[in-house]
């Protein structure tokens, strides 16, 4: 499972732990609605806790099969496009 101290996580490992799933986002969703949607997907692997803390990972680029934490400013707000990528 991904830990804060790690820089990268393997998607296969995350999948085995039930930490990869599909969610439905729309372009008009607020950051809090996006985070609630993500929490609803993972509440079972996180032992039914709806207030667990998580970080959104991004593909490391190229043909890499690893994920990493994006570098974000303190004022950054997640949007559906930012979570889904440029083609959203």
N, C-alpha and C. Protein backbone atom coordinates (compact mmCIF):
# COMPACT_ATOMS: atom_id res chain seq x y z
N UNK A 1 0.83 -1.17 0.00
CA UNK A 1 0.00 0.00 0.00
C UNK A 1 0.88 1.24 0.00
N UNK A 2 0.40 2.31 -0.57
CA UNK A 2 1.17 3.56 -0.65
C UNK A 2 1.29 4.19 0.72
N UNK A 3 2.47 4.60 1.07
CA UNK A 3 2.73 5.30 2.34
C UNK A 3 3.29 6.67 2.03
N UNK A 4 3.04 7.65 2.91
CA UNK A 4 3.53 9.01 2.69
C UNK A 4 5.03 9.07 2.48
N UNK A 5 5.77 8.18 3.11
CA UNK A 5 7.23 8.24 3.02
C UNK A 5 7.76 7.73 1.68
N UNK A 6 6.92 7.06 0.89
CA UNK A 6 7.35 6.53 -0.40
C UNK A 6 7.13 7.57 -1.48
N UNK A 7 7.96 7.55 -2.50
CA UNK A 7 7.82 8.47 -3.63
C UNK A 7 6.95 7.88 -4.74
N UNK A 8 6.93 6.53 -4.86
CA UNK A 8 6.20 5.90 -5.95
C UNK A 8 5.45 4.68 -5.42
N UNK A 9 4.38 4.32 -6.12
CA UNK A 9 3.60 3.14 -5.79
C UNK A 9 3.31 2.38 -7.07
N UNK A 10 3.34 1.07 -7.02
CA UNK A 10 3.07 0.23 -8.17
C UNK A 10 1.56 0.00 -8.27
N UNK A 11 0.93 0.30 -9.42
CA UNK A 11 -0.52 0.10 -9.54
C UNK A 11 -0.98 -1.33 -9.24
N UNK A 12 -0.18 -2.32 -9.58
CA UNK A 12 -0.55 -3.71 -9.31
C UNK A 12 -0.69 -3.95 -7.81
N UNK A 13 0.25 -3.40 -7.03
CA UNK A 13 0.19 -3.53 -5.58
C UNK A 13 -1.04 -2.82 -5.03
N UNK A 14 -1.32 -1.64 -5.54
CA UNK A 14 -2.51 -0.90 -5.09
C UNK A 14 -3.78 -1.68 -5.42
N UNK A 15 -3.84 -2.28 -6.60
CA UNK A 15 -5.00 -3.06 -7.01
C UNK A 15 -5.23 -4.27 -6.11
N UNK A 16 -4.17 -4.96 -5.76
CA UNK A 16 -4.30 -6.12 -4.86
C UNK A 16 -4.88 -5.71 -3.51
N UNK A 17 -4.63 -4.49 -3.10
CA UNK A 17 -5.13 -4.00 -1.82
C UNK A 17 -6.49 -3.32 -1.94
N UNK A 18 -7.11 -3.39 -3.12
CA UNK A 18 -8.41 -2.78 -3.33
C UNK A 18 -8.36 -1.27 -3.39
N UNK A 19 -7.21 -0.72 -3.76
CA UNK A 19 -7.03 0.73 -3.74
C UNK A 19 -7.01 1.36 -5.13
N UNK A 20 -7.53 0.64 -6.13
CA UNK A 20 -7.71 1.20 -7.46
C UNK A 20 -9.15 0.89 -7.85
N UNK A 21 -9.85 1.89 -8.33
CA UNK A 21 -11.24 1.69 -8.72
C UNK A 21 -11.68 2.76 -9.69
N UNK A 22 -12.92 2.62 -10.18
CA UNK A 22 -13.48 3.59 -11.12
C UNK A 22 -14.47 4.47 -10.38
N UNK A 23 -14.39 5.76 -10.68
CA UNK A 23 -15.33 6.72 -10.12
C UNK A 23 -15.93 7.52 -11.24
N UNK A 24 -17.04 8.19 -10.99
CA UNK A 24 -17.69 9.03 -11.99
C UNK A 24 -17.58 10.48 -11.55
N UNK A 25 -16.94 11.28 -12.39
CA UNK A 25 -16.77 12.70 -12.12
C UNK A 25 -17.40 13.50 -13.25
N UNK A 26 -17.89 14.68 -12.91
CA UNK A 26 -18.41 15.59 -13.92
C UNK A 26 -17.65 16.90 -13.80
N UNK A 27 -17.65 17.66 -14.85
CA UNK A 27 -16.86 18.89 -14.88
C UNK A 27 -17.34 19.97 -13.91
N UNK A 28 -18.57 19.86 -13.43
CA UNK A 28 -19.08 20.89 -12.52
C UNK A 28 -18.93 20.52 -11.05
N UNK A 29 -18.30 19.40 -10.74
CA UNK A 29 -18.14 18.98 -9.34
C UNK A 29 -17.13 19.86 -8.62
N UNK A 30 -17.42 20.16 -7.36
CA UNK A 30 -16.50 20.92 -6.52
C UNK A 30 -15.41 19.99 -6.00
N UNK A 31 -14.35 20.56 -5.45
CA UNK A 31 -13.28 19.75 -4.87
C UNK A 31 -13.84 18.84 -3.78
N UNK A 32 -14.72 19.34 -2.92
CA UNK A 32 -15.26 18.50 -1.84
C UNK A 32 -16.12 17.36 -2.40
N UNK A 33 -16.87 17.60 -3.46
CA UNK A 33 -17.67 16.55 -4.09
C UNK A 33 -16.77 15.49 -4.72
N UNK A 34 -15.67 15.90 -5.32
CA UNK A 34 -14.71 14.95 -5.90
C UNK A 34 -14.11 14.08 -4.81
N UNK A 35 -13.69 14.69 -3.71
CA UNK A 35 -13.09 13.93 -2.62
C UNK A 35 -14.11 12.98 -1.98
N UNK A 36 -15.36 13.40 -1.87
CA UNK A 36 -16.42 12.53 -1.34
C UNK A 36 -16.65 11.33 -2.24
N UNK A 37 -16.63 11.56 -3.55
CA UNK A 37 -16.79 10.46 -4.51
C UNK A 37 -15.65 9.46 -4.37
N UNK A 38 -14.44 9.95 -4.23
CA UNK A 38 -13.28 9.07 -4.06
C UNK A 38 -13.39 8.30 -2.74
N UNK A 39 -13.75 8.99 -1.67
CA UNK A 39 -13.89 8.32 -0.37
C UNK A 39 -14.97 7.23 -0.42
N UNK A 40 -16.06 7.48 -1.14
CA UNK A 40 -17.13 6.48 -1.22
C UNK A 40 -16.65 5.21 -1.91
N UNK A 41 -15.74 5.34 -2.86
CA UNK A 41 -15.20 4.17 -3.56
C UNK A 41 -14.33 3.32 -2.64
N UNK A 42 -13.58 3.95 -1.78
CA UNK A 42 -12.57 3.24 -1.00
C UNK A 42 -12.93 3.07 0.47
N UNK A 43 -14.20 3.30 0.86
CA UNK A 43 -14.52 3.19 2.27
C UNK A 43 -14.41 1.76 2.80
N UNK A 44 -14.62 0.75 1.95
CA UNK A 44 -14.49 -0.64 2.41
C UNK A 44 -13.03 -1.01 2.69
N UNK A 45 -12.08 -0.79 1.72
CA UNK A 45 -10.69 -1.12 2.05
C UNK A 45 -10.13 -0.27 3.19
N UNK A 46 -10.73 0.87 3.43
CA UNK A 46 -10.25 1.74 4.51
C UNK A 46 -11.05 1.52 5.79
N UNK A 47 -11.64 0.33 5.92
CA UNK A 47 -12.36 -0.11 7.12
C UNK A 47 -13.55 0.78 7.46
N UNK A 48 -14.31 1.14 6.41
CA UNK A 48 -15.56 1.89 6.57
C UNK A 48 -15.39 3.30 7.14
N UNK A 49 -14.20 3.81 7.15
CA UNK A 49 -13.98 5.17 7.64
C UNK A 49 -14.21 6.14 6.49
N UNK A 50 -15.15 7.05 6.63
CA UNK A 50 -15.46 8.01 5.57
C UNK A 50 -14.62 9.28 5.65
N UNK A 51 -13.77 9.39 6.65
CA UNK A 51 -12.97 10.60 6.80
C UNK A 51 -11.47 10.32 6.65
N UNK A 52 -11.13 9.18 6.03
CA UNK A 52 -9.72 8.86 5.88
C UNK A 52 -9.03 9.87 4.98
N UNK A 53 -7.75 10.07 5.23
CA UNK A 53 -6.95 11.03 4.47
C UNK A 53 -6.27 10.28 3.32
N UNK A 54 -6.25 10.87 2.14
CA UNK A 54 -5.59 10.25 1.00
C UNK A 54 -4.97 11.32 0.13
N UNK A 55 -4.11 10.88 -0.77
CA UNK A 55 -3.48 11.77 -1.74
C UNK A 55 -3.71 11.20 -3.13
N UNK A 56 -3.96 12.07 -4.08
CA UNK A 56 -4.17 11.65 -5.46
C UNK A 56 -2.80 11.52 -6.12
N UNK A 57 -2.58 10.37 -6.76
CA UNK A 57 -1.32 10.09 -7.44
C UNK A 57 -1.48 10.31 -8.93
N UNK A 58 -0.37 10.50 -9.61
CA UNK A 58 -0.39 10.65 -11.05
C UNK A 58 0.59 9.65 -11.66
N UNK A 59 0.34 9.31 -12.93
CA UNK A 59 1.29 8.44 -13.63
C UNK A 59 2.62 9.17 -13.74
N UNK A 60 3.69 8.42 -13.60
CA UNK A 60 5.02 9.03 -13.61
C UNK A 60 5.45 9.50 -14.99
N UNK A 61 4.73 9.13 -16.02
CA UNK A 61 5.02 9.61 -17.37
C UNK A 61 5.62 8.55 -18.26
N UNK A 62 5.50 8.77 -19.54
CA UNK A 62 6.03 7.82 -20.52
C UNK A 62 5.34 6.48 -20.39
N UNK A 63 6.12 5.42 -20.52
CA UNK A 63 5.58 4.06 -20.38
C UNK A 63 5.74 3.52 -18.97
N UNK A 64 5.99 4.41 -18.02
CA UNK A 64 6.20 4.01 -16.64
C UNK A 64 4.95 3.37 -16.06
N UNK A 65 5.14 2.36 -15.23
CA UNK A 65 4.02 1.71 -14.56
C UNK A 65 4.01 2.06 -13.08
N UNK A 66 4.55 3.22 -12.76
CA UNK A 66 4.53 3.67 -11.37
C UNK A 66 3.74 4.96 -11.26
N UNK A 67 3.30 5.23 -10.05
CA UNK A 67 2.55 6.44 -9.74
C UNK A 67 3.36 7.26 -8.74
N UNK A 68 3.18 8.56 -8.77
CA UNK A 68 3.91 9.41 -7.83
C UNK A 68 3.03 10.57 -7.39
N UNK A 69 3.44 11.24 -6.34
CA UNK A 69 2.73 12.42 -5.86
C UNK A 69 3.04 13.60 -6.78
N UNK A 70 2.01 14.30 -7.25
CA UNK A 70 2.27 15.48 -8.07
C UNK A 70 2.79 16.62 -7.20
N UNK A 71 3.58 17.49 -7.77
CA UNK A 71 4.06 18.69 -7.07
C UNK A 71 3.00 19.77 -7.22
N UNK A 72 2.39 20.16 -6.11
CA UNK A 72 1.29 21.12 -6.14
C UNK A 72 1.54 22.26 -5.17
N UNK A 73 1.03 23.43 -5.51
CA UNK A 73 1.12 24.56 -4.58
C UNK A 73 0.10 24.38 -3.46
N UNK A 74 0.29 25.07 -2.37
CA UNK A 74 -0.61 24.98 -1.21
C UNK A 74 -2.02 25.46 -1.57
N UNK A 75 -2.15 26.33 -2.56
CA UNK A 75 -3.46 26.88 -2.93
C UNK A 75 -4.16 26.07 -4.02
N UNK A 76 -3.55 24.98 -4.49
CA UNK A 76 -4.12 24.18 -5.58
C UNK A 76 -5.46 23.59 -5.16
N UNK A 77 -6.45 23.64 -6.04
CA UNK A 77 -7.77 23.03 -5.82
C UNK A 77 -8.00 21.98 -6.90
N UNK A 78 -8.36 20.77 -6.47
CA UNK A 78 -8.63 19.70 -7.42
C UNK A 78 -9.92 19.98 -8.18
N UNK A 79 -9.89 19.72 -9.47
CA UNK A 79 -11.06 19.76 -10.33
C UNK A 79 -11.18 18.40 -10.98
N UNK A 80 -12.32 18.12 -11.58
CA UNK A 80 -12.49 16.83 -12.27
C UNK A 80 -11.44 16.70 -13.38
N UNK A 81 -11.17 17.78 -14.10
CA UNK A 81 -10.16 17.74 -15.17
C UNK A 81 -8.77 17.45 -14.63
N UNK A 82 -8.43 18.00 -13.47
CA UNK A 82 -7.11 17.76 -12.89
C UNK A 82 -6.97 16.31 -12.44
N UNK A 83 -8.05 15.72 -11.93
CA UNK A 83 -8.01 14.32 -11.49
C UNK A 83 -7.94 13.39 -12.70
N UNK A 84 -8.73 13.68 -13.73
CA UNK A 84 -8.84 12.79 -14.89
C UNK A 84 -7.78 12.99 -15.95
N UNK A 85 -7.16 14.14 -15.98
CA UNK A 85 -6.17 14.41 -16.99
C UNK A 85 -6.68 15.38 -18.04
N UNK A 86 -5.85 15.69 -18.99
CA UNK A 86 -6.14 16.73 -19.98
C UNK A 86 -7.29 16.39 -20.91
N UNK A 87 -7.59 15.12 -21.12
CA UNK A 87 -8.61 14.73 -22.09
C UNK A 87 -10.02 14.73 -21.51
N UNK A 88 -10.20 15.16 -20.27
CA UNK A 88 -11.51 15.13 -19.60
C UNK A 88 -12.50 16.05 -20.27
